[in-house]
Protein backbone atom coordinates (compact mmCIF):
# COMPACT_ATOMS: atom_id res chain seq x y z
CA MET A 1 100.89 102.48 36.22
CA SER A 2 98.65 105.09 34.58
CA THR A 3 98.32 107.46 37.60
CA GLU A 4 100.83 109.71 39.35
CA ALA A 5 100.07 111.79 42.51
CA TYR A 6 102.21 114.23 44.50
CA LEU A 7 101.74 116.49 47.56
CA ASP A 8 103.08 120.01 47.17
CA ALA A 9 104.32 119.99 50.84
CA ASP A 10 105.75 117.14 52.89
CA LEU A 11 105.07 118.96 56.22
CA VAL A 12 101.94 120.95 57.10
CA VAL A 13 101.91 123.08 60.29
CA VAL A 14 98.53 123.91 61.86
CA SER A 15 97.30 125.45 65.13
CA PRO A 16 94.38 123.83 66.99
CA GLY A 17 91.17 125.69 66.19
CA SER A 18 92.50 127.04 62.88
CA GLU A 19 93.05 125.63 59.36
CA ALA A 20 95.99 124.74 57.11
CA SER A 21 96.01 123.08 53.70
CA CYS A 22 98.19 121.53 51.02
CA ARG A 23 97.58 120.69 47.36
CA LEU A 24 97.55 117.21 45.78
CA GLU A 25 98.53 117.02 42.07
CA ILE A 26 97.16 114.04 40.07
CA ARG A 27 98.49 113.22 36.55
CA ASN A 28 96.67 110.79 34.21
CA THR A 29 99.30 109.01 32.11
CA GLY A 30 96.81 106.46 30.72
CA PRO A 31 94.95 106.42 27.38
CA ILE A 32 91.42 107.02 28.75
CA VAL A 33 89.59 109.62 30.80
CA GLU A 34 89.84 108.64 34.47
CA SER A 35 87.82 109.64 37.54
CA TYR A 36 89.71 109.53 40.87
CA ALA A 37 88.31 109.17 44.43
CA ILE A 38 90.39 110.95 47.08
CA GLU A 39 90.57 109.70 50.71
CA VAL A 40 92.79 110.80 53.64
CA LEU A 41 94.29 108.01 55.81
CA GLY A 42 95.82 108.06 59.30
CA GLU A 43 95.01 109.78 62.61
CA PRO A 44 94.41 113.23 61.03
CA ALA A 45 91.59 111.81 58.89
CA GLY A 46 89.03 112.69 61.61
CA TRP A 47 89.66 116.41 61.21
CA THR A 48 90.74 116.55 57.54
CA SER A 49 88.65 117.16 54.42
CA VAL A 50 89.35 117.00 50.68
CA GLU A 51 87.95 119.45 48.10
CA PRO A 52 86.74 118.10 45.77
CA PRO A 53 86.51 114.48 46.97
CA VAL A 54 86.32 113.22 43.35
CA VAL A 55 88.22 114.63 40.36
CA THR A 56 88.18 113.70 36.62
CA VAL A 57 91.43 113.97 34.60
CA TYR A 58 91.83 113.56 30.81
CA PRO A 59 94.69 111.49 29.36
CA GLY A 60 97.98 113.32 29.60
CA ASP A 61 96.42 116.05 31.72
CA THR A 62 96.84 117.01 35.43
CA GLY A 63 94.19 117.67 38.08
CA SER A 64 94.49 118.95 41.63
CA VAL A 65 92.60 118.82 44.92
CA VAL A 66 93.08 120.70 48.20
CA VAL A 67 93.52 118.84 51.50
CA HIS A 68 92.25 120.92 54.47
CA PHE A 69 93.50 120.24 58.04
CA GLN A 70 91.21 121.58 60.82
CA PRO A 71 92.22 120.13 64.25
CA PRO A 72 89.84 121.21 67.06
CA ARG A 73 91.13 123.32 69.93
CA SER A 74 90.77 120.44 72.38
CA ALA A 75 92.86 118.27 74.63
CA GLN A 76 91.84 115.30 72.47
CA VAL A 77 94.35 116.39 69.78
CA VAL A 78 97.72 116.31 71.53
CA ALA A 79 100.49 118.53 70.18
CA GLY A 80 103.09 116.87 67.93
CA GLU A 81 103.68 115.47 64.45
CA ARG A 82 101.36 112.90 62.88
CA PRO A 83 101.90 111.07 59.60
CA PHE A 84 99.09 110.89 57.06
CA ALA A 85 98.51 109.57 53.56
CA VAL A 86 96.16 110.41 50.70
CA ARG A 87 94.78 107.45 48.79
CA VAL A 88 94.01 108.12 45.07
CA THR A 89 91.81 105.37 43.58
CA PRO A 90 91.03 105.33 39.79
CA ALA A 91 87.42 104.41 39.04
CA GLU A 92 88.30 102.36 35.91
CA SER A 93 91.27 100.50 37.40
CA PRO A 94 90.96 100.54 41.21
CA ASP A 95 93.83 98.10 41.61
CA THR A 96 96.31 100.77 40.42
CA GLN A 97 95.70 103.25 43.28
CA VAL A 98 98.55 105.48 44.53
CA VAL A 99 99.11 106.70 48.10
CA PRO A 100 101.36 109.76 48.60
CA GLU A 101 102.39 110.45 52.23
CA GLY A 102 103.06 113.52 54.35
CA THR A 103 103.21 114.86 57.92
CA VAL A 104 101.04 117.34 59.79
CA ARG A 105 102.42 119.13 62.86
CA VAL A 106 99.85 120.23 65.47
CA LEU A 107 101.12 123.22 67.45
CA PRO A 108 100.77 123.26 71.28
CA PHE A 109 98.40 125.41 73.30
CA SER A 110 97.82 125.69 77.06
CA ALA A 111 94.52 126.10 78.92
CA VAL A 112 93.43 125.24 82.43
CA THR A 113 90.08 125.45 84.27
CA PRO A 114 90.50 125.43 88.08
CA GLU A 115 87.60 125.32 90.56
CA ILE A 116 87.41 125.26 94.38
CA LEU A 117 84.65 123.48 96.31
CA PRO A 118 83.03 124.36 98.58
CA ARG A 119 83.32 128.09 98.18
CA THR A 120 82.53 128.52 101.91
CA SER A 121 83.38 126.04 104.68
CA ARG A 122 82.59 126.06 108.40
CA GLY A 123 84.52 124.89 111.46
CA ARG A 124 85.86 125.89 114.86
CA ARG A 125 89.46 125.89 113.63
CA THR A 126 89.89 124.37 110.15
CA GLY A 127 88.02 124.75 106.86
CA ARG A 128 88.43 121.95 104.31
CA HIS A 129 88.28 122.58 100.55
CA GLU A 130 89.17 120.77 97.33
CA VAL A 131 90.60 122.37 94.18
CA SER A 132 90.09 120.61 90.85
CA VAL A 133 92.58 121.51 88.10
CA ALA A 134 91.48 120.42 84.62
CA ASN A 135 94.04 120.60 81.77
CA VAL A 136 92.02 121.44 78.65
CA GLY A 137 95.16 122.14 76.61
CA ASN A 138 97.04 119.68 74.39
CA ILE A 139 100.36 119.51 76.29
CA PRO A 140 101.24 118.38 79.86
CA LEU A 141 100.92 121.25 82.29
CA GLY A 142 102.95 121.88 85.46
CA VAL A 143 100.80 123.45 88.19
CA ALA A 144 101.67 125.00 91.57
CA LEU A 145 99.13 126.14 94.20
CA ASN A 146 99.53 128.55 97.11
CA GLY A 147 97.05 130.16 99.51
CA SER A 148 96.86 133.64 101.02
CA ASP A 149 94.44 135.76 103.02
CA PRO A 150 94.40 139.56 103.30
CA ASN A 151 94.52 139.70 107.13
CA ASN A 152 97.06 136.92 107.71
CA ARG A 153 94.66 135.13 110.07
CA LEU A 154 94.91 131.75 108.32
CA ALA A 155 97.58 129.13 107.75
CA PHE A 156 97.29 126.90 104.69
CA ALA A 157 98.10 123.25 104.11
CA ILE A 158 97.99 122.26 100.40
CA ARG A 159 98.57 118.67 99.33
CA PRO A 160 100.09 118.32 96.81
CA ALA A 161 101.34 121.84 96.34
CA GLU A 162 102.93 121.04 92.92
CA LEU A 163 101.79 118.56 90.29
CA THR A 164 101.74 117.82 86.56
CA VAL A 165 98.41 117.32 84.76
CA ALA A 166 98.24 115.43 81.46
CA PRO A 167 96.17 116.78 78.55
CA GLY A 168 92.46 116.07 78.98
CA GLU A 169 92.83 115.04 82.63
CA ALA A 170 91.95 116.67 85.95
CA ALA A 171 93.80 116.56 89.28
CA PHE A 172 92.38 117.21 92.74
CA VAL A 173 94.23 119.06 95.50
CA GLN A 174 93.24 119.18 99.19
CA VAL A 175 93.32 122.65 100.76
CA ARG A 176 92.97 123.25 104.50
CA ALA A 177 92.61 126.79 105.82
CA ARG A 178 93.39 126.77 109.56
CA ALA A 179 92.68 129.75 111.82
CA ARG A 180 95.76 130.88 113.72
CA LYS A 181 93.71 131.57 116.90
CA LEU A 182 90.66 129.97 118.47
CA LEU A 183 87.39 131.91 118.72
CA TRP A 184 86.12 131.08 122.19
CA ARG A 185 82.78 132.89 122.17
CA GLY A 186 80.73 135.43 120.26
CA GLN A 187 79.43 135.53 116.72
CA PRO A 188 80.91 133.36 113.89
CA VAL A 189 83.57 135.16 111.86
CA THR A 190 83.96 134.89 108.07
CA LEU A 191 87.60 134.70 106.94
CA PRO A 192 88.05 135.19 103.16
CA PHE A 193 91.10 133.83 101.37
CA GLN A 194 92.45 133.12 97.87
CA VAL A 195 94.14 130.14 96.23
CA ASP A 196 96.42 130.98 93.29
CA VAL A 197 96.85 128.35 90.55
CA VAL A 198 100.17 129.06 88.81
CA THR A 199 101.16 127.36 85.54
CA ASP A 200 104.24 127.51 83.33
CA ASP A 201 102.72 129.17 80.26
CA LEU A 202 99.61 130.94 81.57
CA PRO A 203 98.94 133.89 83.90
CA PRO A 204 98.00 132.82 87.47
CA ALA A 205 94.35 131.97 88.09
CA ARG A 206 92.96 133.20 91.44
CA LEU A 207 90.16 131.32 93.22
CA ASP A 208 88.20 133.16 95.92
CA ALA A 209 86.83 131.22 98.90
CA ALA A 210 86.09 131.70 102.61
CA THR A 211 85.88 129.76 105.85
CA VAL A 212 83.46 130.61 108.64
CA GLN A 213 85.10 130.20 112.07
CA GLU A 214 82.57 129.21 114.69
CA PRO A 215 83.05 129.90 118.44
CA VAL A 216 84.16 127.06 120.71
CA LEU A 217 81.46 127.92 123.25
CA PRO A 218 78.00 128.19 121.63
CA GLN A 219 75.88 131.29 122.01
CA GLY A 220 73.73 131.45 125.14
CA ILE A 221 75.98 129.10 127.13
CA GLY A 222 76.22 131.74 129.91
CA ARG A 223 72.44 131.85 130.35
CA VAL A 224 72.25 128.05 130.41
CA VAL A 225 74.98 127.81 133.10
CA ALA A 226 73.29 130.49 135.22
CA ALA A 227 69.94 128.70 135.00
CA LEU A 228 71.54 125.40 136.03
CA LEU A 229 73.20 127.06 139.04
CA VAL A 230 69.87 128.56 140.14
CA LEU A 231 68.17 125.17 139.85
CA ALA A 232 70.99 123.54 141.84
CA LEU A 233 70.67 126.11 144.62
CA LEU A 234 66.87 125.71 144.75
CA GLY A 235 67.26 121.94 144.92
CA ALA A 236 69.79 122.17 147.74
CA GLY A 237 67.53 124.54 149.70
CA LEU A 238 64.54 122.25 149.24
CA TRP A 239 66.59 119.30 150.47
CA TYR A 240 67.83 120.93 153.66
CA ALA A 241 64.52 122.64 154.45
CA LEU A 242 61.97 119.90 153.79
CA LEU A 243 63.27 116.52 152.72
CA ARG A 244 66.32 115.96 154.92
CA PRO A 245 64.52 116.05 158.36
CA THR A 246 61.83 113.66 157.12
CA VAL A 247 64.33 111.23 155.60
CA LYS A 248 66.48 111.31 158.76
CA SER A 249 63.48 110.49 161.02
CA LEU A 250 62.35 107.63 158.79
CA ALA A 251 65.88 106.25 158.65
CA GLU A 252 66.24 106.25 162.46
CA GLU A 253 62.92 104.43 162.91
CA ALA A 254 63.83 101.84 160.30
CA ALA A 255 67.25 101.32 161.92
CA GLN A 256 65.71 100.75 165.34
CA GLU A 257 63.30 98.17 163.93
CA GLN A 258 66.19 96.33 162.26
CA VAL A 259 68.54 96.52 165.27
CA ALA A 260 66.11 95.10 167.89
CA PRO A 261 65.99 91.48 166.57
CA VAL A 262 69.69 91.57 165.79
CA ALA A 263 70.51 92.55 169.39
CA GLN A 264 68.34 89.71 170.70
CA GLN A 265 70.12 87.25 168.41
CA ALA A 266 73.50 88.57 169.56
CA ARG A 267 72.65 87.96 173.23
CA ALA A 268 71.59 84.38 172.47
CA ALA A 269 74.81 83.85 170.51
CA ASP A 270 76.89 85.05 173.48
CA THR A 271 75.17 82.50 175.73
CA ARG A 272 75.85 79.66 173.30
CA ALA A 273 79.46 80.77 172.92
CA GLN A 274 80.05 80.63 176.69
CA GLU A 275 78.60 77.11 176.83
CA ALA A 276 80.81 76.02 173.91
CA GLN A 277 83.89 77.49 175.58
CA THR A 278 83.20 75.51 178.74
CA LYS A 279 82.87 72.27 176.80
CA ALA A 280 86.07 73.04 174.84
CA ASP A 281 88.02 73.56 178.07
CA GLN A 282 86.84 70.19 179.38
CA ALA A 283 87.81 68.45 176.12
CA ALA A 284 91.25 70.08 176.13
CA ALA A 285 91.90 68.81 179.65
CA ALA A 286 90.97 65.27 178.56
CA VAL A 287 93.13 65.39 175.46
CA SER A 288 96.20 66.67 177.31
CA ALA A 289 96.40 63.38 179.22
CA ALA A 290 96.44 61.26 176.01
CA PRO A 291 99.60 60.63 173.90
CA ALA A 292 100.00 62.91 170.85
CA PRO A 293 99.19 61.21 167.49
CA PRO A 294 101.76 61.27 164.69
CA ARG A 295 101.64 64.42 162.51
CA PRO A 296 100.45 63.80 158.94
CA SER A 297 102.86 64.53 156.11
CA PRO A 298 102.06 67.61 154.02
CA SER A 299 100.13 67.01 150.76
CA ALA A 300 101.77 67.85 147.46
CA SER A 301 98.48 68.43 145.64
CA PRO A 302 97.73 72.00 144.50
CA PRO A 303 95.23 74.11 146.38
CA VAL A 304 91.59 73.54 145.50
CA GLY A 305 90.16 76.13 143.00
CA VAL A 306 93.49 77.02 141.25
CA PRO A 307 93.47 75.72 137.63
CA ALA A 308 96.56 73.79 136.67
CA LEU A 309 98.04 73.35 133.18
CA PRO A 310 98.15 69.83 131.71
CA PRO A 311 101.43 67.95 132.16
CA GLY A 312 104.08 69.12 129.73
CA ALA A 313 102.12 72.30 128.86
CA ARG A 314 103.23 75.92 129.18
CA SER A 315 101.41 79.23 129.03
CA PHE A 316 101.54 80.90 125.62
CA SER A 317 100.32 84.12 124.00
CA ARG A 318 100.72 85.48 120.48
CA ARG A 319 99.99 88.97 119.12
CA LEU A 320 98.93 89.33 115.47
CA ALA A 321 99.20 92.80 113.91
CA VAL A 322 97.85 93.91 110.53
CA THR A 323 98.55 97.19 108.72
CA ALA A 324 96.40 97.61 105.59
CA PRO A 325 95.90 100.58 103.24
CA ALA A 326 92.40 101.77 102.43
CA ARG A 327 90.37 99.49 100.11
CA ALA A 328 92.84 96.62 100.58
CA THR A 329 93.02 93.35 102.53
CA ARG A 330 96.09 92.27 104.53
CA THR A 331 96.79 89.24 106.78
CA ASP A 332 99.13 88.34 109.66
CA GLN A 333 99.41 84.69 110.77
CA TYR A 334 100.96 82.25 113.23
CA THR A 335 101.80 78.62 112.38
CA VAL A 336 101.77 76.07 115.22
CA PRO A 337 105.20 74.32 115.42
CA SER A 338 105.55 70.62 114.76
CA ARG A 339 104.73 68.22 117.61
CA ARG A 340 102.86 71.01 119.39
CA VAL A 341 99.20 71.78 120.03
CA PHE A 342 98.10 75.34 120.71
CA VAL A 343 95.05 75.45 123.01
CA LEU A 344 93.28 78.84 122.56
CA THR A 345 91.35 80.05 125.63
CA ASP A 346 91.09 83.86 125.26
CA ILE A 347 90.89 86.29 122.30
CA PHE A 348 91.42 90.06 122.69
CA LEU A 349 90.77 92.23 119.57
CA GLN A 350 91.98 95.84 119.29
CA ASN A 351 90.96 98.64 116.88
CA PRO A 352 92.74 101.65 118.47
CA GLN A 353 92.28 104.03 115.51
CA GLY A 354 88.54 103.43 115.05
CA ASP A 355 89.07 102.02 111.54
CA GLU A 356 86.15 101.00 109.33
CA GLY A 357 86.01 97.69 107.53
CA ARG A 358 85.95 93.98 108.45
CA LEU A 359 88.11 91.76 110.70
CA ASP A 360 88.20 87.94 110.39
CA LEU A 361 89.94 85.45 112.71
CA VAL A 362 90.64 82.28 110.70
CA ILE A 363 91.87 79.04 112.34
CA ASP A 364 93.06 76.21 110.09
CA GLY A 365 91.02 77.55 107.14
CA THR A 366 87.83 78.06 109.18
CA THR A 367 86.57 81.56 110.04
CA VAL A 368 85.77 81.51 113.76
CA GLN A 369 85.16 85.22 114.29
CA THR A 370 83.95 88.04 111.98
CA VAL A 371 83.58 91.57 113.35
CA ALA A 372 82.84 94.97 111.75
CA LEU A 373 85.73 97.28 112.73
CA GLN A 374 83.46 100.32 113.23
CA ASN A 375 81.58 98.46 116.02
CA PHE A 376 84.41 98.29 118.58
CA ARG A 377 87.73 99.60 119.87
CA ASP A 378 88.57 96.79 122.34
CA LEU A 379 86.81 93.41 122.32
CA ASP A 380 87.54 90.54 124.74
CA TYR A 381 86.34 86.95 124.22
CA HIS A 382 86.74 84.05 126.66
CA VAL A 383 86.47 80.73 124.84
CA VAL A 384 84.20 78.50 126.98
CA SER A 385 85.33 75.37 125.14
CA PRO A 386 89.04 75.94 124.37
CA ILE A 387 90.00 75.58 120.70
CA GLU A 388 92.80 73.12 119.99
CA VAL A 389 94.94 74.12 116.99
CA PRO A 390 97.08 71.15 115.80
CA ALA A 391 100.69 71.25 114.66
CA GLY A 392 101.17 72.88 111.24
CA ALA A 393 97.80 74.64 111.37
CA VAL A 394 97.68 78.41 110.75
CA VAL A 395 95.92 81.05 112.84
CA SER A 396 95.33 84.15 110.69
CA LEU A 397 94.14 87.71 111.38
CA ARG A 398 92.64 89.12 108.17
CA VAL A 399 91.64 92.79 107.88
CA ASN A 400 89.71 94.37 105.00
CA CYS A 401 90.28 98.13 105.38
CA ARG A 402 87.50 100.36 104.03
CA ARG A 403 88.59 103.60 105.71
CA ALA A 404 91.39 104.33 108.16
CA GLY A 405 90.57 106.07 111.43
CA THR A 406 92.56 108.59 113.45
CA ALA A 407 96.12 107.54 114.29
CA LEU A 408 97.26 107.44 117.93
CA ASP A 409 99.55 110.43 117.31
CA GLY A 410 96.55 112.53 116.25
CA ALA A 411 97.28 112.49 112.50
CA GLY A 412 94.05 112.52 110.52
CA GLY A 413 93.19 109.40 108.54
CA GLY A 414 95.71 107.18 110.36
CA GLY A 415 98.27 107.92 107.67
CA GLY A 416 95.84 106.27 105.22
CA GLN A 417 96.28 102.81 106.79
CA CYS A 418 94.21 100.65 109.12
CA ARG A 419 96.09 99.19 112.12
CA ASP A 420 94.38 96.38 113.99
CA PHE A 421 95.54 93.64 116.38
CA ALA A 422 94.57 90.34 117.98
CA LEU A 423 96.07 88.90 121.21
CA LEU A 424 95.69 85.12 121.45
CA ASN A 425 96.13 83.56 124.93
CA GLY A 426 96.24 79.91 125.93
CA TYR A 427 98.88 77.24 126.37
CA ILE A 428 101.13 75.01 124.27
CA ARG A 429 101.43 71.31 124.95
CA THR A 430 103.77 68.77 123.38
CA VAL A 431 102.40 65.82 121.43
CA SER A 432 104.50 62.68 121.87
CA ARG A 433 105.49 61.00 118.64
CA THR A 434 103.77 57.62 118.17
CA PRO A 435 106.36 54.92 117.30
CA ALA A 436 105.93 53.20 113.95
CA PRO A 437 104.54 49.58 114.22
């Protein structure tokens, strides 16, 4: 080999945003003048330059180039050591290239850019904000957030209060500023507060924000109530002074017109009743002289109008319950036992949280009911033609949760999960096994 190349340093240390360099020595041990092309290989090549990029060396002589490392002050270049190599290619004999290797160490730096949105919120009790924490440094950053207000009139809920943000990424934190007391009436009150973003290696960053607490009772409600009371009193006076006597007179005349024919019909009915009573007494006297006929045996048939279950059937109900996280689909199902037929007569759907999404009732692979969750809380269906579900078939309740509603215990967002139900009513009957021929 007619070329030798060496780096004057195996390890180069550089800070992001600054520059460090090392020297590459090239010795021509061949018999002819040689021109060498210099190229840096590896991850540092994107922010490394060579000066000069081409060098000419006479036989037996030595040339040198300088390798400059200039990593940007950015989260894209993460702190740590990175290997690199410098490829030296002779122009006359490119197959005899040499590649010396080294390591560059990028030093760490920390930087964070927090922001709170909105700067000002409104509400009767709670103001909702979101803090974005962007790590623009080149090492993972531990962050803690806490809220405070100068007059101690707010309580803060921060979720999560502590987190770790990777280089080049941003995290979002929910901040709720809740007034300690309700404002029943009067003018809205502006309550300023601060959110401190504390990191391991940097001084705390303070974000200023405010929430405007609005009164529970709107302005002018007293005048509206007074006007309504005056109108009610005027209406009552008008009724008793003018309308009530007229209505009472008209009602008495109408009642007399309606009562006259009814009284005449009642007198005629009394006459007919007396004649019928006389005839009944005569018939009773005639019957008392005749022998009594045998008493009929009581009937075992059920009363007319009361629906009866088929022979061998029994009432049956099944409750399907589905709990699904947001942007997910979950299913609960019931399989009809062998030698049984489930006859479905009533379906009762429940969406107690007011979830948003889609609910499907699937019977034996066929979707028989599709409902948007946001359109109902309780929904009752009576199946006019009962649905017979054979043995082994599956009745499924499938819920696609788009957004969870308010949980029954009052927690916002339902704990992040939709909870929906279906109550299936009907009866189960047994199918006799057909003997083999």
